Amino acid sequence: MKDRMTIYALFIIVALFIAGCDATDTIKNGLAHSKAVSVEIEKTTGLKSFVGFQWNNGSLNSVSINFESLPGNLTLSEIAKISKKAVIKEFKQEPRKIIVAFAMDGVSLPQLTKDDVGIEE
């Protein structure tokens, strides 16, 4: 009985070790991929970005691309295409979804009137 418990304990330790190595490797490679995506997008668009990712059982669930500012010369459609191409190229698979976001500070926001937002006096 004692030998059987030792074998089970060793089996659990080995299984956790193998799973832990895979998780570490996934994170390490994912960070390298996200940095490469950010560099590729900046080369193409001139915009700095932060790229995050979510893996689930070896599948790429989502990639989020957060830009530091609004693009001056590109449409959202163009940015989406550039982003998707860079993600697929670097991660070697297409995620279930790609989230594109833009940070806007108060200075760069356009001024809106009451008519723009539908407020009646």
PDB file of N, CA and C in Angstrom:
ATOM      1  N   MET A   1       0.818  -1.201   0.000  1.00  0.00           N
ATOM      2  CA  MET A   1       0.000   0.000   0.000  1.00  0.00           C
ATOM      3  C   MET A   1       0.859   1.262   0.000  1.00  0.00           C
ATOM      4  N   LYS A   2       1.950   1.216   0.804  1.00  0.00           N
ATOM      5  CA  LYS A   2       2.839   2.375   0.891  1.00  0.00           C
ATOM      6  C   LYS A   2       3.530   2.619  -0.453  1.00  0.00           C
ATOM      7  N   ASP A   3       3.933   1.535  -1.146  1.00  0.00           N
ATOM      8  CA  ASP A   3       4.577   1.662  -2.455  1.00  0.00           C
ATOM      9  C   ASP A   3       3.613   2.273  -3.477  1.00  0.00           C
ATOM     10  N   ARG A   4       2.366   1.873  -3.394  1.00  0.00           N
ATOM     11  CA  ARG A   4       1.359   2.393  -4.317  1.00  0.00           C
ATOM     12  C   ARG A   4       1.170   3.903  -4.113  1.00  0.00           C
ATOM     13  N   MET A   5       1.148   4.354  -2.846  1.00  0.00           N
ATOM     14  CA  MET A   5       1.009   5.777  -2.539  1.00  0.00           C
ATOM     15  C   MET A   5       2.225   6.562  -3.055  1.00  0.00           C
ATOM     16  N   THR A   6       3.391   5.983  -2.939  1.00  0.00           N
ATOM     17  CA  THR A   6       4.611   6.631  -3.430  1.00  0.00           C
ATOM     18  C   THR A   6       4.550   6.790  -4.945  1.00  0.00           C
ATOM     19  N   ILE A   7       4.079   5.743  -5.616  1.00  0.00           N
ATOM     20  CA  ILE A   7       3.963   5.804  -7.081  1.00  0.00           C
ATOM     21  C   ILE A   7       2.957   6.888  -7.488  1.00  0.00           C
ATOM     22  N   TYR A   8       1.815   6.949  -6.812  1.00  0.00           N
ATOM     23  CA  TYR A   8       0.818   7.990  -7.108  1.00  0.00           C
ATOM     24  C   TYR A   8       1.390   9.387  -6.874  1.00  0.00           C
ATOM     25  N   ALA A   9       2.113   9.551  -5.771  1.00  0.00           N
ATOM     26  CA  ALA A   9       2.706  10.850  -5.454  1.00  0.00           C
ATOM     27  C   ALA A   9       3.716  11.256  -6.526  1.00  0.00           C
ATOM     28  N   LEU A  10       4.554  10.316  -6.942  1.00  0.00           N
ATOM     29  CA  LEU A  10       5.526  10.611  -8.001  1.00  0.00           C
ATOM     30  C   LEU A  10       4.829  10.942  -9.316  1.00  0.00           C
ATOM     31  N   PHE A  11       3.770  10.205  -9.624  1.00  0.00           N
ATOM     32  CA  PHE A  11       3.011  10.465 -10.836  1.00  0.00           C
ATOM     33  C   PHE A  11       2.437  11.881 -10.824  1.00  0.00           C
ATOM     34  N   ILE A  12       1.876  12.299  -9.709  1.00  0.00           N
ATOM     35  CA  ILE A  12       1.299  13.648  -9.594  1.00  0.00           C
ATOM     36  C   ILE A  12       2.384  14.711  -9.717  1.00  0.00           C
ATOM     37  N   ILE A  13       3.525  14.490  -9.089  1.00  0.00           N
ATOM     38  CA  ILE A  13       4.628  15.455  -9.165  1.00  0.00           C
ATOM     39  C   ILE A  13       5.127  15.593 -10.604  1.00  0.00           C
ATOM     40  N   VAL A  14       5.310  14.469 -11.288  1.00  0.00           N
ATOM     41  CA  VAL A  14       5.769  14.501 -12.685  1.00  0.00           C
ATOM     42  C   VAL A  14       4.735  15.195 -13.572  1.00  0.00           C
ATOM     43  N   ALA A  15       3.445  14.885 -13.366  1.00  0.00           N
ATOM     44  CA  ALA A  15       2.391  15.516 -14.169  1.00  0.00           C
ATOM     45  C   ALA A  15       2.372  17.021 -13.953  1.00  0.00           C
ATOM     46  N   LEU A  16       2.504  17.470 -12.712  1.00  0.00           N
ATOM     47  CA  LEU A  16       2.536  18.918 -12.432  1.00  0.00           C
ATOM     48  C   LEU A  16       3.771  19.565 -13.029  1.00  0.00           C
ATOM     49  N   PHE A  17       4.901  18.885 -12.970  1.00  0.00           N
ATOM     50  CA  PHE A  17       6.130  19.418 -13.543  1.00  0.00           C
ATOM     51  C   PHE A  17       5.989  19.607 -15.053  1.00  0.00           C
ATOM     52  N   ILE A  18       5.449  18.602 -15.721  1.00  0.00           N
ATOM     53  CA  ILE A  18       5.271  18.694 -17.176  1.00  0.00           C
ATOM     54  C   ILE A  18       4.291  19.805 -17.525  1.00  0.00           C
ATOM     55  N   ALA A  19       3.190  19.877 -16.803  1.00  0.00           N
ATOM     56  CA  ALA A  19       2.200  20.930 -17.056  1.00  0.00           C
ATOM     57  C   ALA A  19       2.791  22.294 -16.774  1.00  0.00           C
ATOM     58  N   GLY A  20       3.583  22.416 -15.724  1.00  0.00           N
ATOM     59  CA  GLY A  20       4.209  23.697 -15.378  1.00  0.00           C
ATOM     60  C   GLY A  20       5.186  24.161 -16.441  1.00  0.00           C
ATOM     61  N   CYS A  21       5.950  23.255 -16.999  1.00  0.00           N
ATOM     62  CA  CYS A  21       6.901  23.617 -18.052  1.00  0.00           C
ATOM     63  C   CYS A  21       6.164  24.119 -19.285  1.00  0.00           C
ATOM     64  N   ASP A  22       5.070  23.463 -19.634  1.00  0.00           N
ATOM     65  CA  ASP A  22       4.295  23.876 -20.795  1.00  0.00           C
ATOM     66  C   ASP A  22       3.705  25.258 -20.588  1.00  0.00           C
ATOM     67  N   ALA A  23       3.203  25.527 -19.392  1.00  0.00           N
ATOM     68  CA  ALA A  23       2.626  26.840 -19.102  1.00  0.00           C
ATOM     69  C   ALA A  23       3.701  27.920 -19.173  1.00  0.00           C
ATOM     70  N   THR A  24       4.859  27.642 -18.611  1.00  0.00           N
ATOM     71  CA  THR A  24       5.963  28.603 -18.654  1.00  0.00           C
ATOM     72  C   THR A  24       6.387  28.867 -20.089  1.00  0.00           C
ATOM     73  N   ASP A  25       6.495  27.803 -20.864  1.00  0.00           N
ATOM     74  CA  ASP A  25       6.882  27.934 -22.264  1.00  0.00           C
ATOM     75  C   ASP A  25       5.843  28.736 -23.052  1.00  0.00           C
ATOM     76  N   THR A  26       4.556  28.501 -22.780  1.00  0.00           N
ATOM     77  CA  THR A  26       3.486  29.232 -23.463  1.00  0.00           C
ATOM     78  C   THR A  26       3.567  30.720 -23.162  1.00  0.00           C
ATOM     79  N   ILE A  27       3.778  31.049 -21.906  1.00  0.00           N
ATOM     80  CA  ILE A  27       3.875  32.466 -21.520  1.00  0.00           C
ATOM     81  C   ILE A  27       5.102  33.106 -22.158  1.00  0.00           C
ATOM     82  N   LYS A  28       6.234  32.418 -22.087  1.00  0.00           N
ATOM     83  CA  LYS A  28       7.477  32.951 -22.655  1.00  0.00           C
ATOM     84  C   LYS A  28       7.320  33.203 -24.154  1.00  0.00           C
ATOM     85  N   ASN A  29       6.804  32.216 -24.877  1.00  0.00           N
ATOM     86  CA  ASN A  29       6.613  32.370 -26.321  1.00  0.00           C
ATOM     87  C   ASN A  29       5.539  33.411 -26.627  1.00  0.00           C
ATOM     88  N   GLY A  30       4.480  33.427 -25.834  1.00  0.00           N
ATOM     89  CA  GLY A  30       3.410  34.404 -26.037  1.00  0.00           C
ATOM     90  C   GLY A  30       3.904  35.827 -25.892  1.00  0.00           C
ATOM     91  N   LEU A  31       4.753  36.064 -24.900  1.00  0.00           N
ATOM     92  CA  LEU A  31       5.308  37.410 -24.715  1.00  0.00           C
ATOM     93  C   LEU A  31       6.192  37.811 -25.893  1.00  0.00           C
ATOM     94  N   ALA A  32       6.966  36.862 -26.396  1.00  0.00           N
ATOM     95  CA  ALA A  32       7.803  37.144 -27.568  1.00  0.00           C
ATOM     96  C   ALA A  32       6.930  37.450 -28.785  1.00  0.00           C
ATOM     97  N   HIS A  33       5.850  36.685 -28.955  1.00  0.00           N
ATOM     98  CA  HIS A  33       4.933  36.928 -30.078  1.00  0.00           C
ATOM     99  C   HIS A  33       4.252  38.290 -29.950  1.00  0.00           C
ATOM    100  N   SER A  34       3.803  38.629 -28.734  1.00  0.00           N
ATOM    101  CA  SER A  34       3.098  39.901 -28.562  1.00  0.00           C
ATOM    102  C   SER A  34       4.025  41.083 -28.835  1.00  0.00           C
ATOM    103  N   LYS A  35       5.282  40.976 -28.434  1.00  0.00           N
ATOM    104  CA  LYS A  35       6.263  42.038 -28.717  1.00  0.00           C
ATOM    105  C   LYS A  35       6.484  42.147 -30.230  1.00  0.00           C
ATOM    106  N   ALA A  36       6.591  41.017 -30.900  1.00  0.00           N
ATOM    107  CA  ALA A  36       6.793  41.027 -32.351  1.00  0.00           C
ATOM    108  C   ALA A  36       5.592  41.633 -33.073  1.00  0.00           C
ATOM    109  N   VAL A  37       4.370  41.332 -32.597  1.00  0.00           N
ATOM    110  CA  VAL A  37       3.165  41.917 -33.197  1.00  0.00           C
ATOM    111  C   VAL A  37       3.200  43.438 -33.032  1.00  0.00           C
ATOM    112  N   SER A  38       3.551  43.898 -31.838  1.00  0.00           N
ATOM    113  CA  SER A  38       3.610  45.332 -31.566  1.00  0.00           C
ATOM    114  C   SER A  38       4.618  46.038 -32.483  1.00  0.00           C
ATOM    115  N   VAL A  39       5.776  45.412 -32.650  1.00  0.00           N
ATOM    116  CA  VAL A  39       6.813  45.994 -33.517  1.00  0.00           C
ATOM    117  C   VAL A  39       6.335  46.025 -34.970  1.00  0.00           C
ATOM    118  N   GLU A  40       5.717  44.945 -35.426  1.00  0.00           N
ATOM    119  CA  GLU A  40       5.211  44.866 -36.806  1.00  0.00           C
ATOM    120  C   GLU A  40       4.146  45.930 -37.063  1.00  0.00           C
ATOM    121  N   ILE A  41       3.231  46.089 -36.123  1.00  0.00           N
ATOM    122  CA  ILE A  41       2.166  47.087 -36.292  1.00  0.00           C
ATOM    123  C   ILE A  41       2.748  48.497 -36.288  1.00  0.00           C
ATOM    124  N   GLU A  42       3.701  48.757 -35.399  1.00  0.00           N
ATOM    125  CA  GLU A  42       4.311  50.094 -35.356  1.00  0.00           C
ATOM    126  C   GLU A  42       5.065  50.392 -36.651  1.00  0.00           C
ATOM    127  N   LYS A  43       5.738  49.383 -37.204  1.00  0.00           N
ATOM    128  CA  LYS A  43       6.446  49.566 -38.476  1.00  0.00           C
ATOM    129  C   LYS A  43       5.471  49.949 -39.588  1.00  0.00           C
ATOM    130  N   THR A  44       4.321  49.307 -39.589  1.00  0.00           N
ATOM    131  CA  THR A  44       3.346  49.511 -40.659  1.00  0.00           C
ATOM    132  C   THR A  44       2.522  50.775 -40.481  1.00  0.00           C
ATOM    133  N   THR A  45       2.119  51.056 -39.237  1.00  0.00           N
ATOM    134  CA  THR A  45       1.189  52.171 -38.997  1.00  0.00           C
ATOM    135  C   THR A  45       1.847  53.421 -38.426  1.00  0.00           C
ATOM    136  N   GLY A  46       3.004  53.246 -37.788  1.00  0.00           N
ATOM    137  CA  GLY A  46       3.631  54.367 -37.106  1.00  0.00           C
ATOM    138  C   GLY A  46       3.043  54.602 -35.715  1.00  0.00           C
ATOM    139  N   LEU A  47       2.114  53.741 -35.285  1.00  0.00           N
ATOM    140  CA  LEU A  47       1.472  53.887 -33.978  1.00  0.00           C
ATOM    141  C   LEU A  47       2.043  52.883 -32.987  1.00  0.00           C
ATOM    142  N   LYS A  48       2.353  53.344 -31.785  1.00  0.00           N
ATOM    143  CA  LYS A  48       2.803  52.438 -30.734  1.00  0.00           C
ATOM    144  C   LYS A  48       1.592  51.705 -30.174  1.00  0.00           C
ATOM    145  N   SER A  49       1.811  50.441 -29.784  1.00  0.00           N
ATOM    146  CA  SER A  49       0.709  49.659 -29.245  1.00  0.00           C
ATOM    147  C   SER A  49       1.209  48.721 -28.157  1.00  0.00           C
ATOM    148  N   PHE A  50       0.271  48.271 -27.338  1.00  0.00           N
ATOM    149  CA  PHE A  50       0.526  47.224 -26.358  1.00  0.00           C
ATOM    150  C   PHE A  50      -0.335  46.033 -26.757  1.00  0.00           C
ATOM    151  N   VAL A  51       0.269  44.858 -26.847  1.00  0.00           N
ATOM    152  CA  VAL A  51      -0.444  43.669 -27.295  1.00  0.00           C
ATOM    153  C   VAL A  51      -0.532  42.663 -26.157  1.00  0.00           C
ATOM    154  N   GLY A  52      -1.752  42.271 -25.821  1.00  0.00           N
ATOM    155  CA  GLY A  52      -1.990  41.246 -24.818  1.00  0.00           C
ATOM    156  C   GLY A  52      -2.611  40.023 -25.481  1.00  0.00           C
ATOM    157  N   PHE A  53      -2.604  38.893 -24.795  1.00  0.00           N
ATOM    158  CA  PHE A  53      -3.126  37.671 -25.395  1.00  0.00           C
ATOM    159  C   PHE A  53      -3.708  36.764 -24.324  1.00  0.00           C
ATOM    160  N   GLN A  54      -4.567  35.857 -24.750  1.00  0.00           N
ATOM    161  CA  GLN A  54      -5.144  34.864 -23.848  1.00  0.00           C
ATOM    162  C   GLN A  54      -5.148  33.507 -24.542  1.00  0.00           C
ATOM    163  N   TRP A  55      -4.467  32.540 -23.930  1.00  0.00           N
ATOM    164  CA  TRP A  55      -4.420  31.176 -24.426  1.00  0.00           C
ATOM    165  C   TRP A  55      -5.364  30.321 -23.595  1.00  0.00           C
ATOM    166  N   ASN A  56      -5.912  29.276 -24.209  1.00  0.00           N
ATOM    167  CA  ASN A  56      -6.728  28.312 -23.484  1.00  0.00           C
ATOM    168  C   ASN A  56      -6.494  26.938 -24.096  1.00  0.00           C
ATOM    169  N   ASN A  57      -5.850  26.059 -23.347  1.00  0.00           N
ATOM    170  CA  ASN A  57      -5.554  24.698 -23.810  1.00  0.00           C
ATOM    171  C   ASN A  57      -4.847  24.674 -25.165  1.00  0.00           C
ATOM    172  N   GLY A  58      -3.871  25.538 -25.330  1.00  0.00           N
ATOM    173  CA  GLY A  58      -3.088  25.555 -26.556  1.00  0.00           C
ATOM    174  C   GLY A  58      -3.698  26.329 -27.706  1.00  0.00           C
ATOM    175  N   SER A  59      -4.918  26.852 -27.522  1.00  0.00           N
ATOM    176  CA  SER A  59      -5.563  27.645 -28.566  1.00  0.00           C
ATOM    177  C   SER A  59      -5.520  29.117 -28.182  1.00  0.00           C
ATOM    178  N   LEU A  60      -5.314  29.932 -29.165  1.00  0.00           N
ATOM    179  CA  LEU A  60      -5.269  31.375 -28.944  1.00  0.00           C
ATOM    180  C   LEU A  60      -6.701  31.897 -28.909  1.00  0.00           C
ATOM    181  N   ASN A  61      -7.172  32.247 -27.729  1.00  0.00           N
ATOM    182  CA  ASN A  61      -8.540  32.736 -27.568  1.00  0.00           C
ATOM    183  C   ASN A  61      -8.710  34.152 -28.098  1.00  0.00           C
ATOM    184  N   SER A  62      -7.881  35.062 -27.581  1.00  0.00           N
ATOM    185  CA  SER A  62      -8.028  36.456 -27.999  1.00  0.00           C
ATOM    186  C   SER A  62      -6.695  37.176 -27.937  1.00  0.00           C
ATOM    187  N   VAL A  63      -6.612  38.211 -28.743  1.00  0.00           N
ATOM    188  CA  VAL A  63      -5.469  39.115 -28.730  1.00  0.00           C
ATOM    189  C   VAL A  63      -6.040  40.515 -28.659  1.00  0.00           C
ATOM    190  N   SER A  64      -5.536  41.301 -27.712  1.00  0.00           N
ATOM    191  CA  SER A  64      -5.984  42.691 -27.617  1.00  0.00           C
ATOM    192  C   SER A  64      -4.832  43.611 -28.004  1.00  0.00           C
ATOM    193  N   ILE A  65      -5.157  44.576 -28.836  1.00  0.00           N
ATOM    194  CA  ILE A  65      -4.167  45.530 -29.308  1.00  0.00           C
ATOM    195  C   ILE A  65      -4.647  46.908 -28.880  1.00  0.00           C
ATOM    196  N   ASN A  66      -3.890  47.528 -27.975  1.00  0.00           N
ATOM    197  CA  ASN A  66      -4.247  48.837 -27.438  1.00  0.00           C
ATOM    198  C   ASN A  66      -3.267  49.871 -27.969  1.00  0.00           C
ATOM    199  N   PHE A  67      -3.787  50.809 -28.734  1.00  0.00           N
ATOM    200  CA  PHE A  67      -2.957  51.856 -29.306  1.00  0.00           C
ATOM    201  C   PHE A  67      -2.886  53.045 -28.352  1.00  0.00           C
ATOM    202  N   GLU A  68      -1.743  53.730 -28.340  1.00  0.00           N
ATOM    203  CA  GLU A  68      -1.534  54.863 -27.448  1.00  0.00           C
ATOM    204  C   GLU A  68      -2.280  56.116 -27.885  1.00  0.00           C
ATOM    205  N   SER A  69      -2.700  56.168 -29.145  1.00  0.00           N
ATOM    206  CA  SER A  69      -3.386  57.360 -29.641  1.00  0.00           C
ATOM    207  C   SER A  69      -4.280  56.982 -30.816  1.00  0.00           C
ATOM    208  N   LEU A  70      -5.041  57.956 -31.252  1.00  0.00           N
ATOM    209  CA  LEU A  70      -5.884  57.759 -32.429  1.00  0.00           C
ATOM    210  C   LEU A  70      -5.043  57.887 -33.692  1.00  0.00           C
ATOM    211  N   PRO A  71      -5.337  57.088 -34.701  1.00  0.00           N
ATOM    212  CA  PRO A  71      -4.583  57.200 -35.953  1.00  0.00           C
ATOM    213  C   PRO A  71      -5.008  58.446 -36.715  1.00  0.00           C
ATOM    214  N   GLY A  72      -4.047  59.106 -37.311  1.00  0.00           N
ATOM    215  CA  GLY A  72      -4.378  60.300 -38.072  1.00  0.00           C
ATOM    216  C   GLY A  72      -4.676  60.008 -39.533  1.00  0.00           C
ATOM    217  N   ASN A  73      -4.049  58.978 -40.068  1.00  0.00           N
ATOM    218  CA  ASN A  73      -4.127  58.775 -41.513  1.00  0.00           C
ATOM    219  C   ASN A  73      -4.679  57.413 -41.932  1.00  0.00           C
ATOM    220  N   LEU A  74      -5.131  56.598 -40.976  1.00  0.00           N
ATOM    221  CA  LEU A  74      -5.634  55.270 -41.307  1.00  0.00           C
ATOM    222  C   LEU A  74      -7.071  55.109 -40.823  1.00  0.00           C
ATOM    223  N   THR A  75      -7.850  54.342 -41.577  1.00  0.00           N
ATOM    224  CA  THR A  75      -9.215  54.052 -41.146  1.00  0.00           C
ATOM    225  C   THR A  75      -9.188  52.881 -40.160  1.00  0.00           C
ATOM    226  N   LEU A  76     -10.263  52.707 -39.439  1.00  0.00           N
ATOM    227  CA  LEU A  76     -10.360  51.585 -38.515  1.00  0.00           C
ATOM    228  C   LEU A  76     -10.254  50.258 -39.260  1.00  0.00           C
ATOM    229  N   SER A  77     -10.841  50.191 -40.434  1.00  0.00           N
ATOM    230  CA  SER A  77     -10.780  48.981 -41.255  1.00  0.00           C
ATOM    231  C   SER A  77      -9.332  48.649 -41.631  1.00  0.00           C
ATOM    232  N   GLU A  78      -8.565  49.657 -42.009  1.00  0.00           N
ATOM    233  CA  GLU A  78      -7.154  49.435 -42.363  1.00  0.00           C
ATOM    234  C   GLU A  78      -6.363  48.953 -41.150  1.00  0.00           C
ATOM    235  N   ILE A  79      -6.607  49.564 -39.993  1.00  0.00           N
ATOM    236  CA  ILE A  79      -5.901  49.162 -38.773  1.00  0.00           C
ATOM    237  C   ILE A  79      -6.273  47.734 -38.395  1.00  0.00           C
ATOM    238  N   ALA A  80      -7.539  47.372 -38.545  1.00  0.00           N
ATOM    239  CA  ALA A  80      -7.988  46.010 -38.238  1.00  0.00           C
ATOM    240  C   ALA A  80      -7.295  44.995 -39.143  1.00  0.00           C
ATOM    241  N   LYS A  81      -7.187  45.287 -40.422  1.00  0.00           N
ATOM    242  CA  LYS A  81      -6.528  44.371 -41.360  1.00  0.00           C
ATOM    243  C   LYS A  81      -5.044  44.225 -41.042  1.00  0.00           C
ATOM    244  N   ILE A  82      -4.387  45.338 -40.772  1.00  0.00           N
ATOM    245  CA  ILE A  82      -2.956  45.320 -40.432  1.00  0.00           C
ATOM    246  C   ILE A  82      -2.735  44.520 -39.151  1.00  0.00           C
ATOM    247  N   SER A  83      -3.594  44.744 -38.161  1.00  0.00           N
ATOM    248  CA  SER A  83      -3.480  44.059 -36.874  1.00  0.00           C
ATOM    249  C   SER A  83      -3.689  42.557 -37.030  1.00  0.00           C
ATOM    250  N   LYS A  84      -4.717  42.171 -37.756  1.00  0.00           N
ATOM    251  CA  LYS A  84      -5.012  40.750 -37.954  1.00  0.00           C
ATOM    252  C   LYS A  84      -3.862  40.051 -38.673  1.00  0.00           C
ATOM    253  N   LYS A  85      -3.340  40.683 -39.696  1.00  0.00           N
ATOM    254  CA  LYS A  85      -2.225  40.110 -40.458  1.00  0.00           C
ATOM    255  C   LYS A  85      -1.000  39.902 -39.558  1.00  0.00           C
ATOM    256  N   ALA A  86      -0.687  40.896 -38.716  1.00  0.00           N
ATOM    257  CA  ALA A  86       0.468  40.789 -37.824  1.00  0.00           C
ATOM    258  C   ALA A  86       0.257  39.697 -36.774  1.00  0.00           C
ATOM    259  N   VAL A  87      -0.956  39.595 -36.238  1.00  0.00           N
ATOM    260  CA  VAL A  87      -1.253  38.580 -35.220  1.00  0.00           C
ATOM    261  C   VAL A  87      -1.099  37.178 -35.803  1.00  0.00           C
ATOM    262  N   ILE A  88      -1.687  36.940 -36.959  1.00  0.00           N
ATOM    263  CA  ILE A  88      -1.610  35.611 -37.571  1.00  0.00           C
ATOM    264  C   ILE A  88      -0.167  35.273 -37.947  1.00  0.00           C
ATOM    265  N   LYS A  89       0.563  36.250 -38.449  1.00  0.00           N
ATOM    266  CA  LYS A  89       1.960  36.030 -38.834  1.00  0.00           C
ATOM    267  C   LYS A  89       2.820  35.640 -37.625  1.00  0.00           C
ATOM    268  N   GLU A  90       2.678  36.354 -36.523  1.00  0.00           N
ATOM    269  CA  GLU A  90       3.557  36.131 -35.379  1.00  0.00           C
ATOM    270  C   GLU A  90       3.104  34.989 -34.465  1.00  0.00           C
ATOM    271  N   PHE A  91       1.801  34.857 -34.228  1.00  0.00           N
ATOM    272  CA  PHE A  91       1.308  33.794 -33.351  1.00  0.00           C
ATOM    273  C   PHE A  91       1.123  32.469 -34.100  1.00  0.00           C
ATOM    274  N   LYS A  92       1.187  32.491 -35.403  1.00  0.00           N
ATOM    275  CA  LYS A  92       1.059  31.298 -36.255  1.00  0.00           C
ATOM    276  C   LYS A  92      -0.318  30.644 -36.171  1.00  0.00           C
ATOM    277  N   GLN A  93      -1.317  31.393 -35.707  1.00  0.00           N
ATOM    278  CA  GLN A  93      -2.702  30.923 -35.707  1.00  0.00           C
ATOM    279  C   GLN A  93      -3.628  32.125 -35.559  1.00  0.00           C
ATOM    280  N   GLU A  94      -4.860  31.933 -35.985  1.00  0.00           N
ATOM    281  CA  GLU A  94      -5.837  33.011 -35.887  1.00  0.00           C
ATOM    282  C   GLU A  94      -6.608  32.869 -34.576  1.00  0.00           C
ATOM    283  N   PRO A  95      -6.636  33.925 -33.775  1.00  0.00           N
ATOM    284  CA  PRO A  95      -7.390  33.838 -32.524  1.00  0.00           C
ATOM    285  C   PRO A  95      -8.896  33.874 -32.785  1.00  0.00           C
ATOM    286  N   ARG A  96      -9.669  33.498 -31.764  1.00  0.00           N
ATOM    287  CA  ARG A  96     -11.121  33.578 -31.896  1.00  0.00           C
ATOM    288  C   ARG A  96     -11.574  35.011 -32.081  1.00  0.00           C
ATOM    289  N   LYS A  97     -10.890  35.951 -31.401  1.00  0.00           N
ATOM    290  CA  LYS A  97     -11.228  37.358 -31.585  1.00  0.00           C
ATOM    291  C   LYS A  97      -9.997  38.235 -31.383  1.00  0.00           C
ATOM    292  N   ILE A  98     -10.023  39.370 -32.066  1.00  0.00           N
ATOM    293  CA  ILE A  98      -8.994  40.392 -31.927  1.00  0.00           C
ATOM    294  C   ILE A  98      -9.700  41.664 -31.468  1.00  0.00           C
ATOM    295  N   ILE A  99      -9.208  42.238 -30.386  1.00  0.00           N
ATOM    296  CA  ILE A  99      -9.799  43.448 -29.823  1.00  0.00           C
ATOM    297  C   ILE A  99      -8.848  44.600 -30.103  1.00  0.00           C
ATOM    298  N   VAL A 100      -9.354  45.643 -30.754  1.00  0.00           N
ATOM    299  CA  VAL A 100      -8.550  46.820 -31.063  1.00  0.00           C
ATOM    300  C   VAL A 100      -9.118  47.990 -30.262  1.00  0.00           C
ATOM    301  N   ALA A 101      -8.245  48.680 -29.516  1.00  0.00           N
ATOM    302  CA  ALA A 101      -8.685  49.802 -28.682  1.00  0.00           C
ATOM    303  C   ALA A 101      -7.718  50.968 -28.838  1.00  0.00           C
ATOM    304  N   PHE A 102      -8.217  52.159 -28.533  1.00  0.00           N
ATOM    305  CA  PHE A 102      -7.414  53.373 -28.638  1.00  0.00           C
ATOM    306  C   PHE A 102      -7.511  54.163 -27.337  1.00  0.00           C
ATOM    307  N   ALA A 103      -6.381  54.645 -26.844  1.00  0.00           N
ATOM    308  CA  ALA A 103      -6.369  55.516 -25.668  1.00  0.00           C
ATOM    309  C   ALA A 103      -6.502  56.953 -26.156  1.00  0.00           C
ATOM    310  N   MET A 104      -7.356  57.709 -25.489  1.00  0.00           N
ATOM    311  CA  MET A 104      -7.550  59.108 -25.865  1.00  0.00           C
ATOM    312  C   MET A 104      -7.451  59.952 -24.606  1.00  0.00           C
ATOM    313  N   ASP A 105      -6.574  60.921 -24.622  1.00  0.00           N
ATOM    314  CA  ASP A 105      -6.547  61.834 -23.496  1.00  0.00           C
ATOM    315  C   ASP A 105      -7.478  63.002 -23.798  1.00  0.00           C
ATOM    316  N   GLY A 106      -7.762  63.797 -22.804  1.00  0.00           N
ATOM    317  CA  GLY A 106      -8.706  64.898 -22.962  1.00  0.00           C
ATOM    318  C   GLY A 106      -8.308  65.903 -24.025  1.00  0.00           C
ATOM    319  N   VAL A 107      -7.011  66.054 -24.255  1.00  0.00           N
ATOM    320  CA  VAL A 107      -6.534  67.028 -25.232  1.00  0.00           C
ATOM    321  C   VAL A 107      -6.868  66.608 -26.655  1.00  0.00           C
ATOM    322  N   SER A 108      -6.777  65.297 -26.937  1.00  0.00           N
ATOM    323  CA  SER A 108      -6.984  64.841 -28.308  1.00  0.00           C
ATOM    324  C   SER A 108      -8.440  64.546 -28.637  1.00  0.00           C
ATOM    325  N   LEU A 109      -9.329  64.631 -27.656  1.00  0.00           N
ATOM    326  CA  LEU A 109     -10.736  64.359 -27.910  1.00  0.00           C
ATOM    327  C   LEU A 109     -11.375  65.506 -28.689  1.00  0.00           C
ATOM    328  N   PRO A 110     -12.208  65.188 -29.660  1.00  0.00           N
ATOM    329  CA  PRO A 110     -12.901  66.264 -30.381  1.00  0.00           C
ATOM    330  C   PRO A 110     -13.947  66.900 -29.471  1.00  0.00           C
ATOM    331  N   GLN A 111     -14.171  68.173 -29.659  1.00  0.00           N
ATOM    332  CA  GLN A 111     -15.191  68.879 -28.888  1.00  0.00           C
ATOM    333  C   GLN A 111     -16.564  68.547 -29.454  1.00  0.00           C
ATOM    334  N   LEU A 112     -17.476  68.157 -28.592  1.00  0.00           N
ATOM    335  CA  LEU A 112     -18.821  67.807 -29.006  1.00  0.00           C
ATOM    336  C   LEU A 112     -19.810  68.867 -28.543  1.00  0.00           C
ATOM    337  N   THR A 113     -20.824  69.087 -29.373  1.00  0.00           N
ATOM    338  CA  THR A 113     -21.901  69.990 -28.986  1.00  0.00           C
ATOM    339  C   THR A 113     -23.074  69.164 -28.482  1.00  0.00           C
ATOM    340  N   LYS A 114     -24.066  69.823 -27.924  1.00  0.00           N
ATOM    341  CA  LYS A 114     -25.270  69.121 -27.444  1.00  0.00           C
ATOM    342  C   LYS A 114     -25.977  68.419 -28.598  1.00  0.00           C
ATOM    343  N   ASP A 115     -25.923  69.007 -29.787  1.00  0.00           N
ATOM    344  CA  ASP A 115     -26.538  68.390 -30.961  1.00  0.00           C
ATOM    345  C   ASP A 115     -25.832  67.072 -31.338  1.00  0.00           C
ATOM    346  N   ASP A 116     -24.525  67.031 -31.142  1.00  0.00           N
ATOM    347  CA  ASP A 116     -23.757  65.833 -31.481  1.00  0.00           C
ATOM    348  C   ASP A 116     -24.173  64.628 -30.649  1.00  0.00           C
ATOM    349  N   VAL A 117     -24.529  64.849 -29.409  1.00  0.00           N
ATOM    350  CA  VAL A 117     -24.857  63.748 -28.519  1.00  0.00           C
ATOM    351  C   VAL A 117     -26.363  63.601 -28.279  1.00  0.00           C
ATOM    352  N   GLY A 118     -27.169  64.464 -28.916  1.00  0.00           N
ATOM    353  CA  GLY A 118     -28.619  64.339 -28.848  1.00  0.00           C
ATOM    354  C   GLY A 118     -29.255  64.877 -27.588  1.00  0.00           C
ATOM    355  N   ILE A 119     -28.644  65.867 -26.973  1.00  0.00           N
ATOM    356  CA  ILE A 119     -29.215  66.475 -25.762  1.00  0.00           C
ATOM    357  C   ILE A 119     -30.062  67.669 -26.176  1.00  0.00           C
ATOM    358  N   GLU A 120     -31.280  67.671 -25.676  1.00  0.00           N
ATOM    359  CA  GLU A 120     -32.173  68.806 -25.956  1.00  0.00           C
ATOM    360  C   GLU A 120     -32.195  69.732 -24.750  1.00  0.00           C
ATOM    361  N   GLU A 121     -32.339  71.020 -25.013  1.00  0.00           N
ATOM    362  CA  GLU A 121     -32.388  71.984 -23.907  1.00  0.00           C
ATOM    363  C   GLU A 121     -33.788  72.155 -23.416  1.00  0.00           C
TER     364      GLU A 121
END
